[in-house]
Amino acid sequence: MESSQGTTIGDEAGIAALDDALRSAPHPVIIADAAGTITSLNRAAAALLTRATIGAGLRATAPTWLARAHRELAGAPAPARSVSAGAPHRPVHGRVGAQTFEARPTRRHDGSVVWWLTDDTDRHLAEEALSAERERTRFLAEASNVLLASLNTDRCMVATARLAAEHFGDAAVVIAPAVGRGLPVAHAVRGGEAIRTTLTADPASVPGLGEALQGFPPVPSRWIDPGSLPAWLLPPGFDGAVGSVMVSPLPGHGVAAGALVLLRGAEHTAFSESEEIFTGLFAARAGAALSAARLYAEQSSITRTLMRELLPPAMRQVQGVEFAGGYRPAGQTERVGGDFYDIHPAETPDEESLIVLGDVCGKGLEAAVLTGKIRNTLQALLPMADDHERMLGLLNGALINSHHTRFATLVMASVSREGQLVRLRLTSAGHPPPLIVRRNGDVEVVATQGTLVGAIPAIHAHTVATTLRPGETCLLYTDGITEARGGPLGDALFGQERLEQALADCVGMPAEAVVEHIQMLATEWLGRNSADDMAVLAITAPHTAHLSAVDGHTQGRYTA
């Protein structure tokens, strides 16, 4: 007889042979003997397996996975009589058409097997969706780690192109906002290396690209004609016709970080809506990484520019006088701080060079900012360099009237050469007094003193004049040297006495050697302890003599 679904079921006796429970079961049920011959089936099974009839073999009428499972189960030893009939076995899974089923076998003592088929298509689809979502989450996490591994903009663009080509399309092109007339581009083909380059191209020639670079939402890929793409957009190594194109913005912090263009060959399926959504999630992470890298690059450029103005100048011999300086900021990652020194060289032998060494209250960038202000103010006051006290008074007024609440100490030295002697005028403004090492090894403390600047409206200062003979050195330093805490037990100050002894050991040395020696001893004393900024500056009268000029009569230049 034929069922209402057009399925041949066989005689009614076969169906009648089924138990009432099997016949009324809503799920397909098939009974087959040990040889694989169908002995009974209900209407649900007959509707599902249209070729299945009583007396037919499972191998010819059932799916391969089900026939194989029955063959393996029927070949196993029969259950013992002590085991209750209908003992269940491990279920198997497979597809019937577009549906997936779970088949649960129950083996009888006569060797026949009852197969209960349950439609688990929805569960299988849910598991596949969950697995795909887990895989996407894992990929996004790994992609974030790769993209954030470097704050270099070019490397970030290359990583974005490589990841996109491997996981989304046959090729990927990352385009950053134009810099001048150049268009920064990174492109990659699946299985190849990503390349960073700069092109001269018009983003408006690609549908949706100009909008994406401005941060507008992406244009659906089905709206973009692959045949309209310009040649510059196709990466080297991408062969064949383009079948599908996707353009996605790379959102940044406030402004777009760029755009991502994905390409697929004509032999592959077009981008689906779910793929466009997933690409948007990846693009958001790539855009955040690119934006962070670009912001870091901009801040680094600004920092380098400002740092050049804050770093101590290179010291040299000026008008027959040796100058040398050394500086160590408190933080290992910092290049500037509160200690500073500066030199304003004389233009002619008859003029004085002005040397300034100072210490701003505090450390780090805030102290460095005030340092820069002090150096700029003193630069403007150079015409008054013959009167140290007046210069300090004007500097103090400028600091008092500013928004800074920090103060500073400093020492000024006006230096000139007269014959073999070096004449000094030294003025301290609340700063440790200068030291002079004489040719016999004696160390003198220059008795100059004064008020620190930037704290009170009126200050005073006392200038001391002295002379250096050939081989003698005047040392200017900050309290980061004397207050360096370390030593054998790690808690003793380097101190004024050790500094004077270290300077005495430098008798006759050139200025650069004096500075290196003092810095080395202070650093060794400090060890691994934290420290304040350190600055030291040496002014040395070199062992010099006048050389005769070429004509043999006029005075020549000074030489070391």
Protein backbone atom coordinates (compact mmCIF):
# COMPACT_ATOMS: atom_id res chain seq x y z
CA MET A 1 0.00 0.00 0.00
CA GLU A 2 1.16 3.60 -0.51
CA SER A 3 1.04 6.23 2.24
CA SER A 4 -0.47 9.69 1.89
CA GLN A 5 3.09 10.98 1.45
CA GLY A 6 3.59 8.70 -1.54
CA THR A 7 5.82 6.28 0.42
CA THR A 8 5.53 2.53 -0.05
CA ILE A 9 5.06 0.97 3.37
CA GLY A 10 4.35 -2.64 2.48
CA ASP A 11 1.48 -4.72 3.68
CA GLU A 12 -0.56 -3.62 6.64
CA ALA A 13 0.54 -6.70 8.54
CA GLY A 14 4.02 -5.23 8.94
CA ILE A 15 2.70 -2.06 10.45
CA ALA A 16 0.24 -3.96 12.59
CA ALA A 17 3.15 -5.97 13.95
CA LEU A 18 4.52 -2.91 15.63
CA ASP A 19 3.72 -2.39 19.23
CA ASP A 20 1.18 0.28 19.92
CA ALA A 21 3.93 2.39 21.53
CA LEU A 22 6.12 2.17 18.46
CA ARG A 23 3.28 2.81 16.09
CA SER A 24 2.19 5.93 17.97
CA ALA A 25 5.73 7.26 18.46
CA PRO A 26 6.13 10.75 16.98
CA HIS A 27 9.71 10.00 15.95
CA PRO A 28 10.84 7.62 13.22
CA VAL A 29 11.35 4.05 14.50
CA ILE A 30 12.95 1.22 12.49
CA ILE A 31 13.50 -2.40 13.52
CA ALA A 32 16.09 -4.42 11.61
CA ASP A 33 17.38 -7.95 12.21
CA ALA A 34 21.00 -8.96 12.58
CA ALA A 35 21.38 -9.24 8.80
CA GLY A 36 20.27 -5.63 8.35
CA THR A 37 16.81 -6.43 6.95
CA ILE A 38 13.99 -4.13 8.00
CA THR A 39 11.41 -6.09 9.95
CA SER A 40 9.23 -3.18 10.99
CA LEU A 41 8.96 0.62 10.82
CA ASN A 42 6.37 3.22 11.73
CA ARG A 43 4.83 5.82 9.49
CA ALA A 44 7.23 8.58 10.62
CA ALA A 45 10.16 6.41 9.55
CA ALA A 46 8.52 5.56 6.24
CA ALA A 47 7.92 9.28 5.60
CA LEU A 48 11.54 10.12 6.37
CA LEU A 49 13.21 7.24 4.50
CA THR A 50 11.11 7.01 1.37
CA ARG A 51 12.80 3.85 0.07
CA ALA A 52 12.53 1.92 3.32
CA THR A 53 10.06 -1.00 3.31
CA ILE A 54 9.63 -4.13 5.35
CA GLY A 55 11.94 -6.77 3.98
CA ALA A 56 14.32 -4.26 2.40
CA GLY A 57 17.91 -3.93 3.58
CA LEU A 58 19.19 -0.93 5.53
CA ARG A 59 22.25 -0.71 3.31
CA ALA A 60 20.10 0.07 0.26
CA THR A 61 17.40 2.19 1.87
CA ALA A 62 18.92 3.97 4.89
CA PRO A 63 21.70 6.56 5.09
CA THR A 64 25.21 5.15 5.04
CA TRP A 65 25.98 6.26 8.60
CA LEU A 66 22.92 4.44 9.94
CA ALA A 67 23.56 1.23 7.95
CA ARG A 68 27.18 1.18 9.12
CA ALA A 69 26.21 1.69 12.75
CA HIS A 70 23.68 -1.17 12.51
CA ARG A 71 26.27 -3.45 10.95
CA GLU A 72 28.79 -2.73 13.72
CA LEU A 73 26.21 -3.19 16.45
CA ALA A 74 24.76 -6.39 14.95
CA GLY A 75 28.24 -7.89 14.71
CA ALA A 76 28.88 -7.37 18.42
CA PRO A 77 28.22 -10.25 20.92
CA ALA A 78 24.57 -10.64 21.80
CA PRO A 79 23.49 -9.40 25.23
CA ALA A 80 23.33 -12.00 27.95
CA ARG A 81 19.96 -13.22 29.23
CA SER A 82 20.78 -11.69 32.58
CA VAL A 83 20.71 -8.31 30.91
CA SER A 84 17.25 -6.91 30.48
CA ALA A 85 15.94 -6.81 26.97
CA GLY A 86 16.06 -3.48 25.30
CA ALA A 87 19.40 -2.40 26.77
CA PRO A 88 20.35 0.92 25.13
CA HIS A 89 23.64 1.53 23.30
CA ARG A 90 25.60 4.59 22.34
CA PRO A 91 23.67 6.83 19.92
CA VAL A 92 25.01 7.84 16.50
CA HIS A 93 24.47 11.05 14.55
CA GLY A 94 24.11 11.85 10.88
CA ARG A 95 22.25 13.74 8.20
CA VAL A 96 19.14 12.86 6.26
CA GLY A 97 18.74 15.44 3.54
CA ALA A 98 19.03 18.87 5.12
CA GLN A 99 18.23 17.58 8.61
CA THR A 100 20.47 16.01 11.25
CA PHE A 101 19.29 13.12 13.40
CA GLU A 102 20.35 11.27 16.50
CA ALA A 103 19.74 7.52 16.21
CA ARG A 104 19.53 5.62 19.51
CA PRO A 105 19.75 1.80 19.19
CA THR A 106 18.18 -0.79 21.48
CA ARG A 107 19.36 -4.33 20.86
CA ARG A 108 17.02 -7.26 21.48
CA HIS A 109 17.97 -10.78 22.54
CA ASP A 110 17.10 -12.12 19.12
CA GLY A 111 19.80 -9.89 17.63
CA SER A 112 17.44 -7.34 16.08
CA VAL A 113 17.92 -3.66 16.78
CA VAL A 114 15.31 -0.97 17.32
CA TRP A 115 16.48 2.39 16.00
CA TRP A 116 14.86 5.51 17.46
CA LEU A 117 15.56 8.60 15.32
CA THR A 118 15.25 12.06 16.83
CA ASP A 119 15.51 15.25 14.82
CA ASP A 120 18.29 17.35 16.43
CA THR A 121 18.75 19.81 13.58
CA ASP A 122 18.04 22.82 15.77
CA ARG A 123 20.41 21.63 18.48
CA HIS A 124 23.10 20.91 15.90
CA LEU A 125 22.68 24.35 14.35
CA ALA A 126 22.84 25.93 17.80
CA GLU A 127 26.04 24.03 18.57
CA GLU A 128 27.55 25.08 15.25
CA ALA A 129 26.59 28.70 15.91
CA LEU A 130 28.03 28.53 19.43
CA SER A 131 31.23 26.95 18.13
CA ALA A 132 31.53 29.59 15.41
CA GLU A 133 30.94 32.36 17.95
CA ARG A 134 33.60 30.92 20.25
CA GLU A 135 36.00 30.76 17.34
CA ARG A 136 35.23 34.35 16.41
CA THR A 137 35.72 35.48 20.01
CA ARG A 138 39.03 33.64 20.18
CA PHE A 139 40.16 35.22 16.90
CA LEU A 140 39.18 38.72 18.03
CA ALA A 141 41.09 38.25 21.28
CA GLU A 142 44.20 37.04 19.44
CA ALA A 143 43.85 39.81 16.87
CA SER A 144 43.68 42.42 19.63
CA ASN A 145 46.88 41.04 21.16
CA VAL A 146 48.65 41.14 17.79
CA LEU A 147 47.41 44.64 16.92
CA LEU A 148 48.27 46.12 20.32
CA ALA A 149 51.69 44.47 20.45
CA SER A 150 53.29 47.50 18.79
CA LEU A 151 52.68 51.23 18.94
CA ASN A 152 54.35 51.66 15.57
CA THR A 153 51.78 52.84 13.02
CA ASP A 154 53.31 51.04 10.03
CA ARG A 155 53.58 47.73 11.88
CA CYS A 156 49.98 48.05 13.04
CA MET A 157 48.80 48.64 9.45
CA VAL A 158 50.78 45.62 8.22
CA ALA A 159 49.36 43.40 10.98
CA THR A 160 45.81 44.54 10.15
CA ALA A 161 46.24 43.76 6.45
CA ARG A 162 47.78 40.34 7.14
CA LEU A 163 45.07 39.26 9.61
CA ALA A 164 42.28 40.49 7.34
CA ALA A 165 43.66 38.67 4.28
CA GLU A 166 44.05 35.40 6.19
CA HIS A 167 40.61 35.35 7.83
CA PHE A 168 38.19 37.42 5.76
CA GLY A 169 39.10 37.53 2.08
CA ASP A 170 41.61 36.64 -0.58
CA ALA A 171 43.30 40.04 -0.23
CA ALA A 172 43.12 43.03 2.07
CA VAL A 173 44.14 46.68 1.74
CA VAL A 174 44.48 49.00 4.74
CA ILE A 175 44.36 52.70 3.87
CA ALA A 176 45.23 55.46 6.32
CA PRO A 177 44.19 59.12 6.00
CA ALA A 178 46.28 60.96 3.42
CA VAL A 179 49.50 62.66 4.53
CA GLY A 180 50.08 65.51 2.10
CA ARG A 181 49.67 64.03 -1.39
CA GLY A 182 50.61 60.50 -0.31
CA LEU A 183 48.14 57.82 0.68
CA PRO A 184 49.61 55.41 3.28
CA VAL A 185 48.64 51.86 2.27
CA ALA A 186 49.35 48.34 3.56
CA HIS A 187 48.22 45.41 1.42
CA ALA A 188 48.38 41.64 1.72
CA VAL A 189 47.32 38.58 -0.26
CA ARG A 190 46.33 35.41 1.56
CA GLY A 191 49.43 33.31 2.14
CA GLY A 192 51.80 36.18 1.32
CA GLU A 193 53.63 38.90 3.20
CA ALA A 194 51.97 42.20 4.01
CA ILE A 195 53.66 45.25 2.46
CA ARG A 196 53.55 48.89 3.60
CA THR A 197 53.79 51.52 0.89
CA THR A 198 52.64 55.01 -0.05
CA LEU A 199 50.60 55.68 -3.17
CA THR A 200 49.47 58.74 -5.03
CA ALA A 201 45.80 57.91 -5.52
CA ASP A 202 42.32 59.32 -5.11
CA PRO A 203 40.23 57.49 -2.48
CA ALA A 204 37.08 58.81 -4.12
CA SER A 205 37.71 56.48 -7.07
CA VAL A 206 36.64 53.54 -4.87
CA PRO A 207 32.92 53.45 -3.98
CA GLY A 208 32.50 54.00 -0.24
CA LEU A 209 36.21 54.48 0.49
CA GLY A 210 36.12 58.26 0.79
CA GLU A 211 33.19 58.00 3.21
CA ALA A 212 34.92 55.26 5.22
CA LEU A 213 38.04 57.42 5.64
CA GLN A 214 35.77 60.08 7.12
CA GLY A 215 34.25 57.60 9.57
CA PHE A 216 30.86 57.10 7.92
CA PRO A 217 29.13 53.69 8.16
CA PRO A 218 30.16 51.09 5.58
CA VAL A 219 28.44 50.68 2.24
CA PRO A 220 26.92 47.17 1.83
CA SER A 221 29.23 45.03 -0.25
CA ARG A 222 26.44 44.11 -2.66
CA TRP A 223 26.23 47.77 -3.71
CA ILE A 224 29.86 47.86 -4.88
CA ASP A 225 30.60 46.82 -8.45
CA PRO A 226 33.88 44.83 -8.46
CA GLY A 227 34.48 45.87 -12.04
CA SER A 228 34.70 49.55 -11.05
CA LEU A 229 37.77 49.16 -8.84
CA PRO A 230 40.86 51.13 -9.90
CA ALA A 231 44.06 49.21 -10.60
CA TRP A 232 45.95 50.78 -7.66
CA LEU A 233 43.65 49.03 -5.20
CA LEU A 234 44.53 45.52 -6.41
CA PRO A 235 47.56 44.21 -4.47
CA PRO A 236 50.45 42.61 -6.36
CA GLY A 237 49.92 38.86 -6.40
CA PHE A 238 46.13 39.03 -6.55
CA ASP A 239 45.35 37.15 -9.75
CA GLY A 240 42.01 36.72 -11.44
CA ALA A 241 38.83 38.73 -11.43
CA VAL A 242 37.40 40.35 -8.30
CA GLY A 243 34.06 38.81 -7.39
CA SER A 244 33.17 40.66 -4.21
CA VAL A 245 34.36 43.82 -2.42
CA MET A 246 33.84 45.07 1.13
CA VAL A 247 34.84 48.52 2.41
CA SER A 248 34.79 49.03 6.17
CA PRO A 249 35.85 52.09 8.19
CA LEU A 250 38.47 51.71 10.92
CA PRO A 251 36.97 53.82 13.72
CA GLY A 252 39.49 55.63 15.92
CA HIS A 253 39.40 57.90 18.95
CA GLY A 254 37.18 60.73 17.76
CA VAL A 255 38.34 60.53 14.14
CA ALA A 256 38.60 57.67 11.66
CA ALA A 257 41.91 55.80 11.79
CA GLY A 258 41.58 54.61 8.19
CA ALA A 259 39.64 52.09 6.10
CA LEU A 260 39.83 48.38 5.34
CA VAL A 261 39.10 47.02 1.84
CA LEU A 262 38.55 43.26 1.46
CA LEU A 263 38.65 41.48 -1.91
CA ARG A 264 37.42 38.03 -2.94
CA GLY A 265 37.98 36.27 -6.20
CA ALA A 266 35.09 35.55 -8.57
CA GLU A 267 35.38 31.82 -7.81
CA HIS A 268 34.36 32.37 -4.17
CA THR A 269 31.04 33.30 -2.63
CA ALA A 270 30.21 36.93 -2.00
CA PHE A 271 30.47 38.46 1.45
CA SER A 272 27.44 37.64 3.58
CA GLU A 273 25.69 39.96 5.99
CA SER A 274 27.07 38.06 8.99
CA GLU A 275 30.59 38.36 7.57
CA GLU A 276 30.13 42.11 7.19
CA ILE A 277 29.08 42.34 10.84
CA PHE A 278 32.05 40.26 12.00
CA THR A 279 34.41 42.32 9.85
CA GLY A 280 33.05 45.43 11.57
CA LEU A 281 34.01 43.97 14.97
CA PHE A 282 37.53 43.29 13.74
CA ALA A 283 37.73 46.75 12.14
CA ALA A 284 36.78 48.38 15.45
CA ARG A 285 39.72 46.71 17.18
CA ALA A 286 42.10 47.49 14.34
CA GLY A 287 40.96 51.12 14.30
CA ALA A 288 41.49 51.47 18.05
CA ALA A 289 45.00 50.02 17.73
CA LEU A 290 45.88 52.27 14.78
CA SER A 291 44.51 55.31 16.55
CA ALA A 292 46.54 54.52 19.67
CA ALA A 293 49.69 54.03 17.57
CA ARG A 294 49.12 57.30 15.71
CA LEU A 295 48.47 59.20 18.96
CA TYR A 296 51.64 57.74 20.46
CA ALA A 297 53.63 58.76 17.38
CA GLU A 298 52.28 62.32 17.57
CA GLN A 299 53.03 62.60 21.29
CA SER A 300 56.52 61.16 20.77
CA SER A 301 57.21 63.72 18.05
CA ILE A 302 56.01 66.56 20.28
CA THR A 303 58.06 65.22 23.18
CA ARG A 304 61.21 64.96 21.07
CA THR A 305 60.74 68.52 19.84
CA LEU A 306 60.28 69.89 23.35
CA MET A 307 63.04 67.68 24.73
CA ARG A 308 65.60 69.16 22.38
CA GLU A 309 65.00 72.54 24.01
CA LEU A 310 65.14 71.14 27.55
CA LEU A 311 68.24 68.95 27.26
CA PRO A 312 71.52 70.41 28.52
CA PRO A 313 73.73 71.84 25.77
CA ALA A 314 76.92 70.19 24.58
CA MET A 315 79.92 71.69 26.37
CA ARG A 316 83.15 72.65 24.65
CA GLN A 317 86.20 74.87 24.91
CA VAL A 318 85.26 78.51 24.55
CA GLN A 319 87.79 81.34 24.20
CA GLY A 320 90.57 79.25 25.73
CA VAL A 321 88.55 77.91 28.69
CA GLU A 322 87.52 74.27 29.07
CA PHE A 323 83.90 73.51 29.94
CA ALA A 324 82.38 70.07 30.60
CA GLY A 325 79.04 69.04 32.01
CA GLY A 326 77.19 65.89 33.04
CA TYR A 327 73.54 65.27 33.80
CA ARG A 328 71.58 62.29 35.14
CA PRO A 329 67.78 62.55 35.60
CA ALA A 330 66.14 60.89 38.61
CA GLY A 331 63.96 58.50 36.60
CA GLN A 332 65.52 55.84 34.41
CA THR A 333 62.85 56.43 31.75
CA GLU A 334 63.22 60.23 31.82
CA ARG A 335 65.66 62.39 29.90
CA VAL A 336 64.99 65.72 31.61
CA GLY A 337 64.22 66.82 35.15
CA GLY A 338 64.70 69.65 37.62
CA ASP A 339 68.50 69.98 37.43
CA PHE A 340 70.00 71.94 34.54
CA TYR A 341 73.02 73.79 33.30
CA ASP A 342 73.50 76.18 30.42
CA ILE A 343 76.34 78.00 28.68
CA HIS A 344 76.15 81.31 26.88
CA PRO A 345 79.53 81.52 25.13
CA ALA A 346 81.40 84.77 24.63
CA GLU A 347 81.66 85.90 21.04
CA THR A 348 85.04 87.61 21.45
CA PRO A 349 88.04 87.04 23.77
CA ASP A 350 87.28 90.31 25.57
CA GLU A 351 83.76 89.23 26.58
CA GLU A 352 82.66 86.95 29.39
CA SER A 353 80.94 83.62 28.90
CA LEU A 354 77.98 83.08 31.24
CA ILE A 355 77.52 79.68 32.90
CA VAL A 356 74.39 78.78 34.86
CA LEU A 357 73.75 75.62 36.87
CA GLY A 358 70.52 75.22 38.82
CA ASP A 359 68.12 72.95 40.64
CA VAL A 360 64.34 73.34 40.42
CA CYS A 361 62.24 72.00 43.28
CA GLY A 362 60.78 68.62 42.25
CA LYS A 363 61.48 66.04 39.60
CA GLY A 364 60.25 64.92 36.20
CA LEU A 365 58.38 66.82 33.53
CA GLU A 366 56.81 69.52 35.74
CA ALA A 367 60.21 70.50 37.06
CA ALA A 368 61.61 70.39 33.51
CA VAL A 369 58.95 72.87 32.35
CA LEU A 370 60.06 75.42 34.94
CA THR A 371 63.66 74.66 34.03
CA GLY A 372 62.88 75.65 30.45
CA LYS A 373 61.29 78.88 31.62
CA ILE A 374 64.33 79.79 33.73
CA ARG A 375 66.72 79.09 30.86
CA ASN A 376 64.64 81.17 28.44
CA THR A 377 64.37 84.06 30.92
CA LEU A 378 68.12 84.09 31.52
CA GLN A 379 68.68 84.03 27.77
CA ALA A 380 66.59 87.20 27.48
CA LEU A 381 68.52 88.82 30.37
CA LEU A 382 71.98 88.22 28.83
CA PRO A 383 72.58 91.94 28.17
CA MET A 384 72.64 92.36 31.98
CA ALA A 385 75.09 89.50 32.58
CA ASP A 386 77.68 91.90 34.05
CA ASP A 387 75.37 92.34 37.08
CA HIS A 388 74.44 88.93 38.50
CA GLU A 389 72.34 90.29 41.35
CA ARG A 390 70.18 92.32 38.99
CA MET A 391 69.68 89.31 36.70
CA LEU A 392 68.64 87.16 39.65
CA GLY A 393 66.23 89.85 40.86
CA LEU A 394 64.52 90.06 37.48
CA LEU A 395 64.39 86.25 37.20
CA ASN A 396 62.86 86.07 40.68
CA GLY A 397 60.17 88.58 39.67
CA ALA A 398 59.32 86.55 36.58
CA LEU A 399 58.93 83.35 38.63
CA ILE A 400 56.94 85.02 41.42
CA ASN A 401 54.42 86.39 38.92
CA SER A 402 53.93 83.06 37.12
CA HIS A 403 51.46 80.30 37.95
CA HIS A 404 54.29 78.03 39.09
CA THR A 405 54.51 77.32 42.81
CA ARG A 406 58.00 75.83 42.60
CA PHE A 407 61.24 77.57 43.49
CA ALA A 408 64.79 77.08 42.29
CA THR A 409 68.38 77.46 43.42
CA LEU A 410 71.18 78.27 41.01
CA VAL A 411 74.73 79.47 40.69
CA MET A 412 76.02 81.80 37.99
CA ALA A 413 79.57 82.09 36.70
CA SER A 414 80.94 84.74 34.37
CA VAL A 415 84.15 83.41 32.80
CA SER A 416 86.87 85.16 30.80
CA ARG A 417 90.47 84.44 29.79
CA GLU A 418 93.33 86.81 30.57
CA GLY A 419 96.67 85.45 29.49
CA GLN A 420 97.12 82.07 31.14
CA LEU A 421 94.60 82.90 33.87
CA VAL A 422 90.84 82.33 33.89
CA ARG A 423 88.88 84.96 35.78
CA LEU A 424 85.59 83.99 37.43
CA ARG A 425 82.71 85.92 38.96
CA LEU A 426 80.54 83.49 40.94
CA THR A 427 77.13 84.18 42.44
CA SER A 428 74.98 81.70 44.36
CA ALA A 429 71.21 81.98 44.77
CA GLY A 430 70.50 79.51 47.56
CA HIS A 431 72.70 76.91 45.85
CA PRO A 432 75.55 74.76 47.21
CA PRO A 433 78.79 76.80 46.94
CA PRO A 434 81.20 76.15 44.07
CA LEU A 435 84.43 74.26 44.76
CA ILE A 436 87.89 74.98 43.33
CA VAL A 437 90.75 72.49 43.22
CA ARG A 438 94.13 74.22 43.12
CA ARG A 439 97.32 72.93 41.53
CA ASN A 440 98.63 71.72 44.90
CA GLY A 441 95.50 69.59 45.50
CA ASP A 442 93.83 71.97 47.97
CA VAL A 443 90.07 72.35 47.58
CA GLU A 444 88.54 75.75 48.31
CA VAL A 445 84.89 76.54 48.98
CA VAL A 446 83.87 79.76 47.23
CA ALA A 447 82.12 81.94 49.82
CA THR A 448 79.24 83.12 47.67
CA GLN A 449 75.73 83.02 48.99
CA GLY A 450 72.28 84.35 48.24
CA THR A 451 68.52 83.76 48.34
CA LEU A 452 66.77 81.13 46.26
CA VAL A 453 64.56 82.43 43.47
CA GLY A 454 60.81 82.03 42.98
CA ALA A 455 59.89 81.93 46.69
CA ILE A 456 59.89 85.48 48.11
CA PRO A 457 59.49 88.87 46.41
CA ALA A 458 62.88 90.35 47.40
CA ILE A 459 66.17 88.49 47.20
CA HIS A 460 69.83 89.23 47.77
CA ALA A 461 73.00 87.69 46.39
CA HIS A 462 76.73 88.11 46.89
CA THR A 463 79.17 87.82 44.01
CA VAL A 464 82.72 86.55 44.57
CA ALA A 465 85.57 87.05 42.10
CA THR A 466 88.39 84.52 41.86
CA THR A 467 91.07 83.30 39.46
CA LEU A 468 92.04 79.92 38.05
CA ARG A 469 95.61 79.13 37.11
CA PRO A 470 96.48 76.55 34.45
CA GLY A 471 95.34 73.08 35.57
CA GLU A 472 92.90 74.39 38.19
CA THR A 473 89.18 73.62 38.06
CA CYS A 474 86.02 75.19 39.46
CA LEU A 475 83.22 72.68 40.06
CA LEU A 476 79.54 73.56 40.05
CA TYR A 477 77.10 70.83 41.18
CA THR A 478 73.60 70.21 42.48
CA ASP A 479 72.59 68.60 45.77
CA GLY A 480 71.75 65.39 43.88
CA ILE A 481 75.52 64.66 44.14
CA THR A 482 76.03 65.37 47.85
CA GLU A 483 72.68 63.88 48.88
CA ALA A 484 73.10 60.63 46.94
CA ARG A 485 72.23 57.99 49.54
CA GLY A 486 74.01 54.66 49.37
CA GLY A 487 77.41 53.32 50.34
CA PRO A 488 78.20 49.96 51.98
CA LEU A 489 75.01 49.94 54.08
CA GLY A 490 72.88 51.82 51.57
CA ASP A 491 71.81 54.62 53.92
CA ALA A 492 74.77 57.04 54.06
CA LEU A 493 74.97 60.32 52.14
CA PHE A 494 77.78 60.90 49.67
CA GLY A 495 78.23 64.25 51.39
CA GLN A 496 80.30 67.38 50.97
CA GLU A 497 83.46 65.86 52.43
CA ARG A 498 83.55 62.95 49.97
CA LEU A 499 82.89 65.35 47.10
CA GLU A 500 85.83 67.54 48.13
CA GLN A 501 88.09 64.51 48.42
CA ALA A 502 86.97 63.26 44.99
CA LEU A 503 87.70 66.68 43.53
CA ALA A 504 91.14 66.75 45.16
CA ASP A 505 91.95 63.54 43.32
CA CYS A 506 91.23 65.36 40.03
CA VAL A 507 94.05 67.85 40.31
CA GLY A 508 95.48 68.65 36.89
CA MET A 509 92.77 66.75 35.03
CA PRO A 510 90.92 68.27 32.05
CA ALA A 511 87.34 69.37 32.64
CA GLU A 512 85.74 66.36 30.96
CA ALA A 513 87.75 63.92 33.08
CA VAL A 514 86.76 65.76 36.27
CA VAL A 515 83.07 65.48 35.41
CA GLU A 516 83.34 61.79 34.53
CA HIS A 517 85.20 61.03 37.77
CA ILE A 518 82.67 62.81 40.01
CA GLN A 519 79.70 61.20 38.24
CA MET A 520 81.25 57.75 38.43
CA LEU A 521 81.89 57.98 42.17
CA ALA A 522 78.41 59.35 42.94
CA THR A 523 76.74 56.67 40.81
CA GLU A 524 78.76 53.87 42.43
CA TRP A 525 77.93 55.24 45.87
CA LEU A 526 74.25 55.37 44.99
CA GLY A 527 74.09 51.76 43.77
CA ARG A 528 70.54 50.65 43.05
CA ASN A 529 68.92 53.20 45.34
CA SER A 530 66.60 55.85 43.97
CA ALA A 531 68.14 59.26 43.47
CA ASP A 532 67.44 62.89 42.80
CA ASP A 533 68.50 64.55 39.55
CA MET A 534 72.26 65.05 39.34
CA ALA A 535 74.10 67.79 37.47
CA VAL A 536 77.76 68.71 37.57
CA LEU A 537 79.78 71.24 35.57
CA ALA A 538 83.53 71.85 35.47
CA ILE A 539 85.33 75.04 34.42
CA THR A 540 89.06 74.43 33.87
CA ALA A 541 91.96 76.66 33.03
CA PRO A 542 93.90 74.44 30.60
CA HIS A 543 97.64 74.01 30.48
CA THR A 544 97.99 76.44 27.60
CA ALA A 545 100.43 78.81 26.03
CA HIS A 546 100.04 81.44 23.36
CA LEU A 547 101.12 80.28 19.94
CA SER A 548 102.70 82.80 17.66
CA ALA A 549 100.70 83.71 14.63
CA VAL A 550 101.81 82.80 11.15
CA ASP A 551 103.80 86.03 10.80
CA GLY A 552 105.83 85.16 13.94
CA HIS A 553 105.02 88.42 15.78
CA THR A 554 101.33 88.81 16.64
CA GLN A 555 99.63 86.86 19.43
CA GLY A 556 98.07 83.57 18.23
CA ARG A 557 95.09 81.67 19.54
CA TYR A 558 94.88 79.63 22.74
CA THR A 559 95.49 75.91 22.37
CA ALA A 560 95.23 73.07 24.83
